[in-house]
């Protein structure tokens, strides 16, 4: 994505970071699905203002489906899709994997399927789940991970992949955690938008990006609490690889060719 006047406002490039996990018993697990083929061919009717402002590439070759196939797999090999949330740039590709179970927080599922406000109606696209996916929805039920409320085990998955509720950007936004070797991957979705938000340089997050973050938040206090929890998590544990959905440098430096480990 190349936002309008991006070079001038300090954000010339954004990405939609999808993570593909190859597991021993659960096939492929896709974390977020980015823009999908329906977005590329226009049938999902992405909002015109969004397309003009964010300027996504909308290239078939960049869809998760095309990249999965390029790796030598088939769409049916993706048996699970775990979404941080159901915004159009994160859930656009779920219909490209019609056999997969879609794992999502219950509050997010409810907000997306019956948006309570006009603003929320604009951020979700019914076309992305018009195929009637197999949903698996979750609420916190006493589980914790590193001291934070979590859904540590997802139904039908043997691999250590879970949801870490990080609400605020949307009602049911969650980070996704996945065991990888001796460490953990933490896909933070849109809990933050720029790498500097997780360190000592919060003030160096581009002003336009901070403004956009506030513009699209659902709950300001919850979003700030989520970002603070992630900063504390990163500072407290050295075995965590933390990254968000849209930072191109985190995407470039992120995990590659690391498989999710099954439970003991």
Protein backbone atom coordinates (compact mmCIF):
# COMPACT_ATOMS: atom_id res chain seq x y z
CA UNK A 1 0.00 0.00 0.00
CA UNK A 2 1.33 3.44 -0.98
CA UNK A 3 -0.73 6.05 0.91
CA UNK A 4 -1.59 9.28 -0.88
CA UNK A 5 1.24 11.81 -0.43
CA UNK A 6 2.99 9.12 1.60
CA UNK A 7 6.52 10.42 1.08
CA UNK A 8 5.49 13.88 2.23
CA UNK A 9 3.77 12.65 5.39
CA UNK A 10 6.46 10.09 6.27
CA UNK A 11 4.66 6.84 5.38
CA UNK A 12 5.55 6.06 1.75
CA UNK A 13 4.85 2.35 2.12
CA UNK A 14 2.67 0.09 4.23
CA UNK A 15 2.22 -3.67 4.00
CA UNK A 16 -0.42 -6.21 5.00
CA UNK A 17 1.67 -8.71 6.92
CA UNK A 18 0.24 -12.22 6.61
CA UNK A 19 2.00 -15.05 8.39
CA UNK A 20 1.93 -18.64 7.11
CA UNK A 21 2.66 -21.40 9.63
CA UNK A 22 3.48 -24.93 8.51
CA UNK A 23 2.57 -27.33 11.32
CA UNK A 24 3.16 -31.02 11.84
CA UNK A 25 -0.44 -32.05 12.43
CA UNK A 26 -2.66 -29.14 11.40
CA UNK A 27 -1.58 -28.41 7.85
CA UNK A 28 -1.07 -24.76 7.04
CA UNK A 29 -2.27 -22.04 9.41
CA UNK A 30 -2.62 -18.56 7.96
CA UNK A 31 -2.52 -15.55 10.28
CA UNK A 32 -4.50 -12.72 8.65
CA UNK A 33 -5.33 -12.95 4.97
CA UNK A 34 -4.74 -9.46 3.61
CA UNK A 35 -6.55 -8.43 0.45
CA UNK A 36 -8.11 -11.30 -1.47
CA UNK A 37 -9.04 -12.16 -5.03
CA UNK A 38 -12.50 -10.61 -4.62
CA UNK A 39 -10.82 -7.32 -3.72
CA UNK A 40 -8.59 -7.55 -6.79
CA UNK A 41 -11.44 -8.28 -9.19
CA UNK A 42 -13.65 -5.63 -7.60
CA UNK A 43 -16.49 -7.85 -6.44
CA UNK A 44 -16.01 -6.97 -2.76
CA UNK A 45 -16.56 -3.29 -3.54
CA UNK A 46 -13.85 -1.79 -1.41
CA UNK A 47 -14.78 1.77 -0.38
CA UNK A 48 -13.60 4.25 -2.97
CA UNK A 49 -12.26 6.68 -0.37
CA UNK A 50 -10.15 3.90 1.15
CA UNK A 51 -8.70 2.89 -2.22
CA UNK A 52 -7.89 6.50 -3.13
CA UNK A 53 -6.30 7.27 0.25
CA UNK A 54 -4.42 4.04 1.00
CA UNK A 55 -3.79 2.99 -2.63
CA UNK A 56 -3.44 -0.78 -2.21
CA UNK A 57 -1.70 -2.58 -5.08
CA UNK A 58 -4.61 -5.03 -5.57
CA UNK A 59 -2.42 -7.43 -7.52
CA UNK A 60 -3.38 -11.12 -7.80
CA UNK A 61 0.26 -12.06 -7.27
CA UNK A 62 0.23 -10.37 -3.86
CA UNK A 63 -2.80 -12.21 -2.50
CA UNK A 64 -2.18 -14.80 0.19
CA UNK A 65 -3.72 -17.43 -2.10
CA UNK A 66 -1.27 -16.74 -4.92
CA UNK A 67 1.68 -16.79 -2.52
CA UNK A 68 0.53 -20.07 -0.94
CA UNK A 69 0.28 -21.63 -4.42
CA UNK A 70 3.69 -20.21 -5.37
CA UNK A 71 5.14 -22.14 -2.40
CA UNK A 72 3.83 -25.37 -3.91
CA UNK A 73 0.67 -25.76 -1.83
CA UNK A 74 -3.03 -25.66 -2.62
CA UNK A 75 -5.76 -23.54 -1.06
CA UNK A 76 -7.14 -26.66 0.66
CA UNK A 77 -3.83 -27.09 2.50
CA UNK A 78 -4.73 -23.99 4.54
CA UNK A 79 -6.93 -25.62 7.15
CA UNK A 80 -7.07 -22.73 9.60
CA UNK A 81 -7.08 -18.94 9.26
CA UNK A 82 -6.55 -16.98 12.48
CA UNK A 83 -7.44 -13.31 12.13
CA UNK A 84 -6.34 -10.46 14.36
CA UNK A 85 -9.58 -8.72 13.34
CA UNK A 86 -11.95 -8.56 10.39
CA UNK A 87 -11.09 -5.18 8.86
CA UNK A 88 -11.14 -5.29 5.07
CA UNK A 89 -7.34 -5.30 4.71
CA UNK A 90 -6.96 -8.23 7.11
CA UNK A 91 -9.90 -10.48 6.19
CA UNK A 92 -10.21 -9.87 2.45
CA UNK A 93 -8.65 -13.19 1.59
CA UNK A 94 -10.59 -15.56 3.85
CA UNK A 95 -12.99 -16.47 1.04
CA UNK A 96 -10.00 -17.71 -0.96
CA UNK A 97 -9.72 -20.55 1.58
CA UNK A 98 -13.33 -21.79 1.75
CA UNK A 99 -12.46 -25.06 3.51
CA UNK A 100 -10.56 -23.37 6.35
CA UNK A 101 -11.87 -22.73 9.84
CA UNK A 102 -11.75 -19.00 10.63
CA UNK A 103 -10.68 -18.32 14.23
CA UNK A 104 -11.62 -14.93 15.68
CA UNK A 105 -12.57 -13.26 18.95
CA UNK A 106 -16.32 -13.36 19.64
CA UNK A 107 -16.59 -9.58 20.06
CA UNK A 108 -14.96 -9.06 16.67
CA UNK A 109 -17.19 -11.63 15.01
CA UNK A 110 -20.31 -9.96 16.43
CA UNK A 111 -19.19 -6.46 15.43
CA UNK A 112 -18.33 -7.48 11.87
CA UNK A 113 -21.46 -9.50 11.15
CA UNK A 114 -23.81 -6.93 12.70
CA UNK A 115 -21.91 -3.61 12.84
CA UNK A 116 -23.51 -1.42 15.51
CA UNK A 117 -22.36 1.92 14.06
CA UNK A 118 -22.08 3.50 10.62
CA UNK A 119 -18.33 3.78 11.03
CA UNK A 120 -18.05 0.05 11.67
CA UNK A 121 -20.29 -0.74 8.72
CA UNK A 122 -17.73 0.99 6.51
CA UNK A 123 -14.72 -0.96 7.80
CA UNK A 124 -16.17 -4.45 7.28
CA UNK A 125 -17.10 -6.04 3.92
CA UNK A 126 -19.88 -8.64 3.95
CA UNK A 127 -18.54 -10.00 0.66
CA UNK A 128 -15.49 -11.32 2.49
CA UNK A 129 -17.59 -13.90 4.34
CA UNK A 130 -20.53 -14.27 1.96
CA UNK A 131 -19.38 -17.86 1.28
CA UNK A 132 -20.45 -18.85 4.79
CA UNK A 133 -17.13 -19.76 6.44
CA UNK A 134 -16.71 -22.17 9.31
CA UNK A 135 -16.30 -19.76 12.22
CA UNK A 136 -14.64 -20.61 15.52
CA UNK A 137 -15.28 -17.77 17.96
CA UNK A 138 -13.71 -17.27 21.37
CA UNK A 139 -13.98 -15.29 24.58
CA UNK A 140 -11.53 -15.12 27.47
CA UNK A 141 -12.31 -17.95 29.87
CA UNK A 142 -9.60 -17.84 32.50
CA UNK A 143 -6.61 -18.73 30.33
CA UNK A 144 -3.51 -16.57 30.54
CA UNK A 145 -0.30 -16.27 28.57
CA UNK A 146 2.67 -14.45 30.07
CA UNK A 147 0.29 -12.99 32.64
CA UNK A 148 -2.18 -11.64 30.08
CA UNK A 149 -5.72 -12.87 29.40
CA UNK A 150 -5.58 -15.21 26.43
CA UNK A 151 -7.23 -17.96 24.45
CA UNK A 152 -4.19 -20.17 24.63
CA UNK A 153 -5.56 -23.09 22.61
CA UNK A 154 -7.70 -22.86 19.52
CA UNK A 155 -10.27 -25.55 18.78
CA UNK A 156 -9.14 -28.17 16.30
CA UNK A 157 -5.51 -27.06 16.46
CA UNK A 158 -2.77 -29.14 18.02
CA UNK A 159 -0.12 -26.48 17.39
CA UNK A 160 0.51 -23.79 19.97
CA UNK A 161 -1.38 -20.96 18.30
CA UNK A 162 -3.63 -18.66 20.29
CA UNK A 163 -5.40 -15.32 20.54
CA UNK A 164 -4.17 -12.56 22.84
CA UNK A 165 -7.00 -10.02 23.23
CA UNK A 166 -5.72 -6.54 22.43
CA UNK A 167 -8.93 -4.57 22.00
CA UNK A 168 -9.27 -0.94 21.05
CA UNK A 169 -8.49 -0.72 17.35
CA UNK A 170 -11.70 -2.71 16.93
CA UNK A 171 -14.05 -4.19 19.52
CA UNK A 172 -12.53 -7.66 19.37
CA UNK A 173 -9.04 -7.01 18.02
CA UNK A 174 -6.50 -9.61 19.17
CA UNK A 175 -2.86 -10.38 18.67
CA UNK A 176 -2.02 -13.90 17.49
CA UNK A 177 0.65 -15.91 19.29
CA UNK A 178 2.44 -18.93 17.80
CA UNK A 179 5.17 -21.13 19.28
CA UNK A 180 8.19 -21.22 17.00
CA UNK A 181 11.18 -23.27 18.07
CA UNK A 182 12.30 -22.00 21.46
CA UNK A 183 10.44 -18.73 21.12
CA UNK A 184 7.12 -17.16 20.29
CA UNK A 185 5.87 -15.11 17.36
CA UNK A 186 3.44 -12.35 18.29
CA UNK A 187 1.53 -10.90 15.34
CA UNK A 188 0.08 -7.75 16.87
CA UNK A 189 -2.18 -6.84 13.96
CA UNK A 190 -3.18 -3.19 14.29
CA UNK A 191 -2.56 -2.87 18.01
CA UNK A 192 0.17 -0.50 16.83
CA UNK A 193 1.24 0.72 13.38
CA UNK A 194 4.93 1.60 13.63
CA UNK A 195 7.97 -0.08 15.21
CA UNK A 196 8.82 3.00 17.26
CA UNK A 197 5.56 2.61 19.18
CA UNK A 198 7.04 -0.42 20.95
CA UNK A 199 10.28 1.14 22.16
CA UNK A 200 11.54 4.34 23.69
CA UNK A 201 10.82 6.36 20.56
CA UNK A 202 7.04 6.58 20.70
CA UNK A 203 7.28 10.27 19.87
CA UNK A 204 9.03 9.37 16.60
CA UNK A 205 6.04 7.57 15.14
CA UNK A 206 5.12 9.62 12.03
CA UNK A 207 2.50 12.21 12.92
CA UNK A 208 0.22 11.16 10.06
CA UNK A 209 0.32 7.57 11.22
CA UNK A 210 -0.55 8.57 14.79
CA UNK A 211 -3.47 10.58 13.44
CA UNK A 212 -4.65 7.65 11.33
CA UNK A 213 -4.36 5.31 14.31
CA UNK A 214 -6.68 7.57 16.30
CA UNK A 215 -9.04 8.00 13.37
CA UNK A 216 -9.69 4.27 13.05
CA UNK A 217 -9.77 3.33 16.75
CA UNK A 218 -12.97 2.08 18.34
CA UNK A 219 -11.94 2.54 21.99
CA UNK A 220 -9.11 4.97 22.75
CA UNK A 221 -8.46 3.79 26.31
CA UNK A 222 -8.46 0.13 25.33
CA UNK A 223 -6.13 0.76 22.39
CA UNK A 224 -3.64 2.58 24.59
CA UNK A 225 -3.81 -0.18 27.21
CA UNK A 226 -3.17 -2.79 24.53
CA UNK A 227 -0.14 -0.96 23.20
CA UNK A 228 1.21 -0.56 26.73
CA UNK A 229 0.74 -4.28 27.43
CA UNK A 230 2.66 -5.18 24.27
CA UNK A 231 5.51 -2.83 25.19
CA UNK A 232 5.74 -4.45 28.61
CA UNK A 233 5.61 -7.91 27.06
CA UNK A 234 8.46 -7.11 24.70
CA UNK A 235 10.54 -5.58 27.50
CA UNK A 236 9.99 -8.54 29.84
CA UNK A 237 10.66 -11.52 27.56
CA UNK A 238 13.61 -12.09 25.25
CA UNK A 239 12.06 -15.06 23.45
CA UNK A 240 9.36 -13.00 21.73
CA UNK A 241 9.40 -11.83 18.12
CA UNK A 242 6.83 -9.01 18.02
CA UNK A 243 5.60 -7.35 14.84
CA UNK A 244 2.52 -5.49 13.65
CA UNK A 245 0.60 -5.77 10.40
CA UNK A 246 1.62 -2.68 8.47
CA UNK A 247 5.25 -1.73 9.20
CA UNK A 248 7.37 -2.60 6.12
CA UNK A 249 10.62 -2.74 8.11
CA UNK A 250 9.18 -5.19 10.62
CA UNK A 251 7.93 -7.23 7.66
CA UNK A 252 11.38 -7.19 6.06
CA UNK A 253 13.15 -8.13 9.31
CA UNK A 254 10.47 -10.51 10.55
CA UNK A 255 10.37 -14.30 10.86
CA UNK A 256 11.11 -16.36 7.77
CA UNK A 257 11.03 -20.13 7.31
CA UNK A 258 10.22 -20.80 10.96
CA UNK A 259 7.60 -23.43 11.68
CA UNK A 260 5.01 -23.40 14.45
CA UNK A 261 5.73 -26.19 16.91
CA UNK A 262 3.06 -28.66 17.96
CA UNK A 263 2.12 -29.06 21.61
CA UNK A 264 4.15 -31.62 23.58
